[in-house]
N, C-alpha and C. Protein backbone atom coordinates (compact mmCIF):
# COMPACT_ATOMS: atom_id res chain seq x y z
N MET A 1 -16.58 -17.81 3.90
CA MET A 1 -15.95 -17.09 2.86
C MET A 1 -15.24 -15.93 2.54
N LEU A 2 -14.43 -15.64 1.60
CA LEU A 2 -13.58 -14.71 1.57
C LEU A 2 -13.46 -14.00 0.34
N VAL A 3 -13.66 -12.93 0.76
CA VAL A 3 -12.76 -11.99 -0.38
C VAL A 3 -11.63 -11.10 -0.88
N ILE A 4 -10.71 -11.05 -1.78
CA ILE A 4 -9.79 -10.37 -1.87
C ILE A 4 -9.95 -9.53 -3.06
N LYS A 5 -10.02 -7.79 -2.65
CA LYS A 5 -10.09 -6.66 -3.72
C LYS A 5 -8.51 -6.95 -4.18
N GLY A 6 -7.94 -6.32 -5.30
CA GLY A 6 -7.38 -6.00 -6.18
C GLY A 6 -7.01 -4.60 -6.75
N LYS A 7 -5.55 -4.44 -7.27
CA LYS A 7 -5.39 -3.32 -7.70
C LYS A 7 -5.88 -3.92 -9.62
N TYR A 8 -4.97 -4.94 -9.71
CA TYR A 8 -5.65 -5.52 -11.19
C TYR A 8 -5.43 -7.37 -10.30
N LEU A 9 -6.54 -8.19 -11.09
CA LEU A 9 -6.15 -9.42 -11.36
C LEU A 9 -6.12 -10.59 -12.21
N LEU A 10 -5.43 -11.06 -12.51
CA LEU A 10 -4.94 -11.59 -13.41
C LEU A 10 -5.45 -12.94 -13.79
N THR A 11 -6.12 -12.87 -14.94
CA THR A 11 -7.18 -14.16 -15.20
C THR A 11 -6.78 -14.55 -16.48
N LYS A 12 -7.28 -15.59 -17.27
CA LYS A 12 -6.89 -16.56 -17.96
C LYS A 12 -7.38 -15.66 -19.02
N ASP A 13 -8.33 -14.42 -19.12
CA ASP A 13 -8.82 -13.48 -19.81
C ASP A 13 -7.67 -12.51 -20.37
N GLY A 14 -6.35 -12.40 -19.16
CA GLY A 14 -5.65 -11.01 -18.95
C GLY A 14 -5.65 -10.59 -17.65
N LEU A 15 -5.64 -8.84 -17.80
CA LEU A 15 -5.25 -8.69 -16.58
C LEU A 15 -6.73 -7.90 -16.37
N LYS A 16 -7.09 -7.91 -15.27
CA LYS A 16 -8.29 -6.98 -14.98
C LYS A 16 -8.21 -5.69 -13.92
N LYS A 17 -7.93 -5.09 -14.05
CA LYS A 17 -7.81 -3.29 -13.28
C LYS A 17 -9.39 -3.46 -12.32
N ASP A 18 -8.46 -3.67 -11.09
CA ASP A 18 -9.40 -3.12 -10.41
C ASP A 18 -10.69 -3.85 -10.08
N HIS A 19 -10.35 -5.35 -9.86
CA HIS A 19 -10.98 -6.61 -9.52
C HIS A 19 -10.43 -7.54 -8.97
N GLY A 20 -11.61 -8.29 -7.89
CA GLY A 20 -11.25 -9.29 -7.40
C GLY A 20 -11.78 -9.89 -7.45
N LEU A 21 -12.05 -11.52 -5.80
CA LEU A 21 -12.16 -12.60 -6.33
C LEU A 21 -12.86 -12.70 -5.00
N VAL A 22 -14.19 -14.77 -5.11
CA VAL A 22 -14.44 -14.30 -4.05
C VAL A 22 -14.07 -16.10 -3.47
N ILE A 23 -13.46 -16.27 -3.09
CA ILE A 23 -13.32 -18.06 -2.60
C ILE A 23 -13.85 -18.21 -1.33
N ASN A 24 -14.91 -20.14 -1.85
CA ASN A 24 -15.78 -20.57 -0.59
C ASN A 24 -14.82 -21.98 -0.83
N ASN A 25 -14.83 -22.29 0.85
CA ASN A 25 -14.43 -23.55 0.77
C ASN A 25 -12.64 -23.54 0.35
N GLY A 26 -11.51 -22.72 -0.04
CA GLY A 26 -10.37 -23.33 -1.07
C GLY A 26 -10.94 -23.14 -2.24
N ILE A 27 -11.90 -22.66 -2.78
CA ILE A 27 -11.99 -22.76 -4.70
C ILE A 27 -12.59 -21.30 -4.58
N ILE A 28 -12.45 -21.05 -5.81
CA ILE A 28 -12.41 -19.75 -6.52
C ILE A 28 -13.55 -19.84 -7.16
N THR A 29 -14.67 -18.91 -6.58
CA THR A 29 -16.15 -18.79 -7.19
C THR A 29 -16.52 -18.04 -7.64
N ASP A 30 -15.99 -16.58 -8.07
CA ASP A 30 -16.75 -16.02 -9.12
C ASP A 30 -15.65 -14.46 -8.74
N ILE A 31 -15.38 -13.77 -9.74
CA ILE A 31 -14.44 -12.92 -10.14
C ILE A 31 -15.23 -11.40 -10.39
N GLN A 32 -15.20 -10.85 -9.80
CA GLN A 32 -16.41 -9.43 -9.83
C GLN A 32 -14.97 -8.35 -9.76
N PRO A 33 -15.93 -6.75 -10.53
CA PRO A 33 -14.95 -5.60 -9.79
C PRO A 33 -15.34 -5.11 -8.86
N ASN A 34 -14.05 -4.38 -7.57
CA ASN A 34 -14.01 -4.78 -6.37
C ASN A 34 -15.60 -3.92 -6.28
N ASN A 35 -15.79 -3.15 -6.54
CA ASN A 35 -17.30 -2.31 -6.17
C ASN A 35 -18.46 -3.25 -6.38
N MET A 36 -18.94 -4.96 -6.80
CA MET A 36 -19.68 -5.95 -6.87
C MET A 36 -19.50 -6.13 -5.60
N LEU A 37 -17.91 -6.17 -5.10
CA LEU A 37 -17.60 -7.20 -3.87
C LEU A 37 -18.05 -6.61 -2.63
N THR A 38 -18.61 -7.12 -1.86
CA THR A 38 -19.76 -6.41 -0.60
C THR A 38 -19.06 -7.79 -0.09
N SER A 39 -19.35 -6.87 1.47
CA SER A 39 -18.93 -7.66 2.47
C SER A 39 -20.16 -8.42 3.43
N CYS A 40 -20.73 -9.90 3.22
CA CYS A 40 -21.29 -10.15 3.77
C CYS A 40 -21.39 -10.82 5.67
N THR A 41 -22.09 -10.67 6.24
CA THR A 41 -21.71 -11.71 7.40
C THR A 41 -21.05 -13.53 7.54
N ASN A 42 -19.73 -13.13 8.01
CA ASN A 42 -19.24 -14.49 8.34
C ASN A 42 -18.55 -13.91 6.91
N THR A 43 -18.28 -12.84 6.39
CA THR A 43 -17.05 -12.74 5.24
C THR A 43 -15.62 -12.03 5.77
N GLN A 44 -14.39 -12.81 5.81
CA GLN A 44 -13.75 -12.24 5.81
C GLN A 44 -12.99 -11.75 4.67
N ALA A 45 -12.82 -10.12 4.41
CA ALA A 45 -12.16 -9.25 2.98
C ALA A 45 -10.42 -8.96 3.43
N ILE A 46 -9.90 -9.01 2.50
CA ILE A 46 -8.31 -8.81 2.21
C ILE A 46 -8.74 -7.47 1.20
N CYS A 47 -8.19 -6.13 1.79
CA CYS A 47 -8.04 -5.61 0.48
C CYS A 47 -6.61 -4.66 -0.01
N CYS A 48 -6.16 -5.41 -1.44
CA CYS A 48 -5.03 -5.46 -1.50
C CYS A 48 -4.52 -4.58 -2.75
N ASP A 49 -4.73 -3.63 -2.82
CA ASP A 49 -5.15 -1.87 -3.50
C ASP A 49 -4.19 -1.89 -3.82
N ASP A 50 -2.81 -1.87 -3.74
CA ASP A 50 -1.77 -1.29 -4.33
C ASP A 50 -0.94 -2.98 -5.17
N SER A 51 -2.33 -3.54 -5.20
CA SER A 51 -0.92 -4.58 -5.23
C SER A 51 -1.90 -5.81 -6.51
N ILE A 52 -1.40 -6.92 -7.62
CA ILE A 52 -1.59 -7.80 -8.42
C ILE A 52 -1.75 -9.03 -7.41
N ILE A 53 -3.40 -9.38 -7.54
CA ILE A 53 -3.70 -11.27 -7.43
C ILE A 53 -3.20 -12.21 -8.65
N VAL A 54 -2.31 -13.20 -8.09
CA VAL A 54 -2.53 -13.92 -8.92
C VAL A 54 -2.86 -15.10 -8.81
N PRO A 55 -4.47 -15.55 -8.58
CA PRO A 55 -4.70 -17.00 -7.94
C PRO A 55 -3.78 -18.38 -9.09
N GLY A 56 -3.39 -19.06 -7.93
CA GLY A 56 -2.42 -20.37 -8.61
C GLY A 56 -1.48 -20.66 -8.67
N PHE A 57 -0.95 -19.16 -8.50
CA PHE A 57 0.81 -19.04 -8.39
C PHE A 57 0.93 -19.59 -7.27
N ILE A 58 1.93 -20.56 -6.33
CA ILE A 58 2.34 -20.50 -5.32
C ILE A 58 4.10 -20.83 -5.12
N ASN A 59 4.22 -20.13 -4.66
CA ASN A 59 5.94 -20.38 -4.01
C ASN A 59 6.53 -19.91 -5.87
N ALA A 60 6.25 -18.52 -6.47
CA ALA A 60 6.63 -18.55 -7.87
C ALA A 60 7.25 -17.83 -7.59
N HIS A 61 7.97 -17.30 -6.86
CA HIS A 61 9.01 -16.31 -6.39
C HIS A 61 9.24 -14.99 -7.68
N THR A 62 10.35 -15.19 -8.66
CA THR A 62 10.79 -14.55 -9.25
C THR A 62 11.17 -15.56 -10.35
N HIS A 63 11.03 -16.59 -10.92
CA HIS A 63 10.67 -17.22 -11.55
C HIS A 63 9.86 -17.14 -12.88
N MET A 64 8.43 -16.30 -12.02
CA MET A 64 7.36 -16.42 -13.17
C MET A 64 7.02 -14.98 -13.63
N TYR A 65 8.15 -14.02 -12.99
CA TYR A 65 7.65 -12.07 -13.65
C TYR A 65 8.19 -12.52 -15.02
N GLY A 66 9.19 -13.25 -15.55
CA GLY A 66 9.34 -12.98 -17.10
C GLY A 66 7.93 -13.93 -17.48
N THR A 67 7.22 -14.49 -16.97
CA THR A 67 6.68 -15.44 -17.60
C THR A 67 4.87 -14.14 -18.17
N ILE A 68 4.85 -13.66 -16.64
CA ILE A 68 3.65 -12.72 -16.55
C ILE A 68 3.46 -11.26 -16.62
N SER A 69 4.87 -10.68 -16.89
CA SER A 69 5.24 -9.70 -17.08
C SER A 69 4.77 -8.98 -18.38
N GLY A 70 4.80 -9.54 -19.84
CA GLY A 70 4.85 -9.81 -20.57
C GLY A 70 3.84 -8.19 -21.46
N CYS A 71 2.78 -7.72 -20.04
CA CYS A 71 2.23 -6.28 -20.48
C CYS A 71 2.20 -5.84 -19.39
N PHE A 72 3.43 -5.50 -18.69
CA PHE A 72 4.10 -4.88 -17.54
C PHE A 72 5.65 -4.59 -18.34
N PHE A 73 5.48 -2.77 -17.51
CA PHE A 73 6.67 -2.19 -17.39
C PHE A 73 7.06 -1.62 -17.03
N VAL A 74 8.15 -2.36 -16.25
CA VAL A 74 8.52 -1.96 -14.81
C VAL A 74 10.10 -0.81 -14.71
N ASN A 75 10.03 0.35 -13.92
CA ASN A 75 10.63 1.24 -14.21
C ASN A 75 11.50 0.76 -12.94
N ILE A 76 12.55 0.76 -13.15
CA ILE A 76 13.60 0.38 -11.87
C ILE A 76 14.66 1.67 -12.40
N LYS A 77 15.23 1.93 -11.00
CA LYS A 77 16.16 2.82 -10.91
C LYS A 77 17.28 2.27 -9.98
N THR A 78 18.38 2.05 -10.93
CA THR A 78 19.68 1.05 -10.83
C THR A 78 20.33 2.44 -10.25
N THR A 79 21.41 1.92 -9.28
CA THR A 79 22.19 2.98 -8.82
C THR A 79 23.62 2.58 -9.21
N HIS A 80 23.69 2.01 -10.46
CA HIS A 80 24.79 1.80 -11.54
C HIS A 80 26.03 1.35 -11.10
N LYS A 81 25.99 0.53 -9.49
CA LYS A 81 27.86 0.56 -8.49
C LYS A 81 28.31 -0.49 -9.37
N LYS A 82 29.14 -0.75 -9.07
CA LYS A 82 30.37 -2.07 -9.29
C LYS A 82 30.08 -2.24 -8.42
N TYR A 83 30.22 -4.25 -8.62
CA TYR A 83 29.80 -4.80 -8.09
C TYR A 83 30.90 -5.10 -6.95
N SER A 84 31.78 -4.99 -7.34
CA SER A 84 33.24 -4.49 -6.49
C SER A 84 32.95 -3.50 -5.55
N ASN A 85 32.22 -2.28 -6.12
CA ASN A 85 32.05 -1.02 -5.44
C ASN A 85 30.97 -2.18 -3.83
N ILE A 86 29.94 -2.86 -4.19
CA ILE A 86 28.66 -2.80 -3.69
C ILE A 86 29.62 -3.78 -2.03
N LYS A 87 30.18 -4.22 -2.55
CA LYS A 87 30.71 -5.97 -1.91
C LYS A 87 31.30 -5.52 -0.90
N LYS A 88 31.86 -3.86 -0.78
CA LYS A 88 32.91 -3.34 -0.04
C LYS A 88 32.07 -2.83 0.49
N THR A 89 30.71 -2.19 1.05
CA THR A 89 30.19 -1.22 2.11
C THR A 89 29.40 -2.81 2.58
């Protein structure tokens, strides 16, 4: 059994804060708040306290951002450099 705890978990019902999941034999068998997910004997636990768990996406890289980011606001600090200046460095 594998337990993965995250800051957020994206489910078919939306984004759940401080939730994780249980995986048995490669299948997600349960979704619960992190404080309800306990480690038992023969359980591997992975804590992703600063991450969003997005089950089911394999090699989604950057193409999925537009799909799942509808509810996120991301503050990106840019340097406002021109490409020609970046290319020289």
